Amino acid sequence: MIAVIRTTMTAHAVLALLTISLNAGATGLATCESGPKSGWQPQEKLEKQLVDQNGWKIRRIKEDGGCYEVYAFDKNGDRVNAYYHPVTFALIPNTLSVRKP
């Protein structure tokens, strides 16, 4: 009986740790095969490119799933969320979303 209780408690503990570790990582909206961070371009360069070429006002750029996730406002004032490859700055397909404020 005690062995069954210990086994059950161990199984629950392992399941809890797996759940926590899976949720602690990226959001899963995009994943980039970007290699080591030493090969990544600086976030500031991406910000300048998006401001100069798109007229965006950048709110935040962060790392997520090996990509750069960008939060910005476009030139119409709409909220923009998009993922970019940190080496090439290519827009990751199907990750651009624009919402009216």
Protein backbone atom coordinates (compact mmCIF):
# COMPACT_ATOMS: atom_id res chain seq x y z
CA MET A 1 0.00 0.00 0.00
CA ILE A 2 2.79 2.45 0.91
CA ALA A 3 4.64 1.59 -2.32
CA VAL A 4 1.53 2.45 -4.35
CA ILE A 5 1.17 5.81 -2.57
CA ARG A 6 4.86 6.63 -3.14
CA THR A 7 4.62 5.69 -6.82
CA THR A 8 1.50 7.84 -7.26
CA MET A 9 3.09 10.82 -5.49
CA THR A 10 6.25 10.47 -7.59
CA ALA A 11 4.23 10.32 -10.80
CA HIS A 12 2.30 13.47 -9.82
CA ALA A 13 5.52 15.30 -8.95
CA VAL A 14 7.10 14.39 -12.30
CA LEU A 15 3.96 15.46 -14.17
CA ALA A 16 3.91 18.79 -12.33
CA LEU A 17 7.57 19.46 -13.15
CA LEU A 18 7.01 18.64 -16.82
CA THR A 19 4.04 20.97 -16.98
CA ILE A 20 5.99 23.81 -15.37
CA SER A 21 9.02 23.34 -17.62
CA LEU A 22 6.94 23.23 -20.80
CA ASN A 23 5.08 26.42 -19.88
CA ALA A 24 8.26 28.29 -18.94
CA GLY A 25 9.59 28.44 -22.49
CA ALA A 26 8.45 30.16 -25.65
CA THR A 27 4.82 30.84 -26.45
CA GLY A 28 4.98 28.47 -29.39
CA LEU A 29 3.56 30.99 -31.87
CA ALA A 30 6.77 30.82 -33.89
CA THR A 31 10.04 28.95 -33.83
CA CYS A 32 13.21 29.97 -35.64
CA GLU A 33 16.18 27.76 -36.43
CA SER A 34 18.48 30.67 -35.67
CA GLY A 35 21.68 29.02 -34.48
CA PRO A 36 23.91 30.46 -31.76
CA LYS A 37 23.15 33.96 -30.50
CA SER A 38 26.64 35.06 -31.52
CA GLY A 39 25.37 34.99 -35.12
CA TRP A 40 22.24 37.05 -34.44
CA GLN A 41 21.94 40.65 -35.59
CA PRO A 42 21.27 43.24 -32.87
CA GLN A 43 17.66 44.05 -31.96
CA GLU A 44 18.45 47.74 -32.47
CA LYS A 45 19.18 47.09 -36.15
CA LEU A 46 15.78 45.40 -36.61
CA GLU A 47 14.09 48.29 -34.79
CA LYS A 48 15.76 50.85 -37.09
CA GLN A 49 14.76 48.83 -40.18
CA LEU A 50 11.10 48.59 -39.10
CA VAL A 51 10.93 52.30 -38.22
CA ASP A 52 12.64 53.44 -41.45
CA GLN A 53 10.90 51.06 -43.86
CA ASN A 54 7.45 50.62 -42.28
CA GLY A 55 7.01 53.75 -40.19
CA TRP A 56 6.37 51.66 -37.09
CA LYS A 57 6.70 52.93 -33.53
CA ILE A 58 8.37 50.06 -31.66
CA ARG A 59 7.04 49.30 -28.19
CA ARG A 60 9.18 46.24 -27.44
CA ILE A 61 11.36 43.58 -29.07
CA LYS A 62 12.02 40.36 -27.20
CA GLU A 63 13.37 36.88 -27.86
CA ASP A 64 10.80 34.11 -28.18
CA GLY A 65 11.31 30.64 -29.64
CA GLY A 66 14.63 31.62 -31.19
CA CYS A 67 12.94 34.56 -32.97
CA TYR A 68 12.60 38.26 -32.32
CA GLU A 69 9.02 39.09 -31.34
CA VAL A 70 8.10 42.70 -32.12
CA TYR A 71 5.34 44.73 -30.48
CA ALA A 72 4.71 48.01 -32.29
CA PHE A 73 2.22 50.51 -33.65
CA ASP A 74 2.02 50.91 -37.41
CA LYS A 75 1.78 54.29 -39.15
CA ASN A 76 -2.06 54.13 -38.81
CA GLY A 77 -1.77 53.70 -35.03
CA ASP A 78 -2.86 50.03 -35.12
CA ARG A 79 -1.17 47.51 -32.81
CA VAL A 80 1.25 45.19 -34.59
CA ASN A 81 2.72 41.92 -33.34
CA ALA A 82 5.15 39.99 -35.56
CA TYR A 83 8.05 37.54 -35.42
CA TYR A 84 11.33 37.99 -37.29
CA HIS A 85 14.29 35.70 -37.85
CA PRO A 86 17.19 37.13 -35.79
CA VAL A 87 19.86 36.41 -38.43
CA THR A 88 18.07 37.42 -41.65
CA PHE A 89 15.31 39.69 -40.26
CA ALA A 90 12.87 37.80 -42.51
CA LEU A 91 9.26 38.01 -41.35
CA ILE A 92 8.18 34.59 -40.10
CA PRO A 93 5.13 33.55 -42.18
CA ASN A 94 1.70 33.78 -40.55
CA THR A 95 2.94 35.69 -37.50
CA LEU A 96 1.98 39.25 -38.43
CA SER A 97 -1.14 40.43 -36.65
CA VAL A 98 -2.60 43.93 -36.76
CA ARG A 99 -5.35 45.06 -34.38
CA LYS A 100 -7.25 48.29 -34.18
CA PRO A 101 -6.77 50.02 -30.81
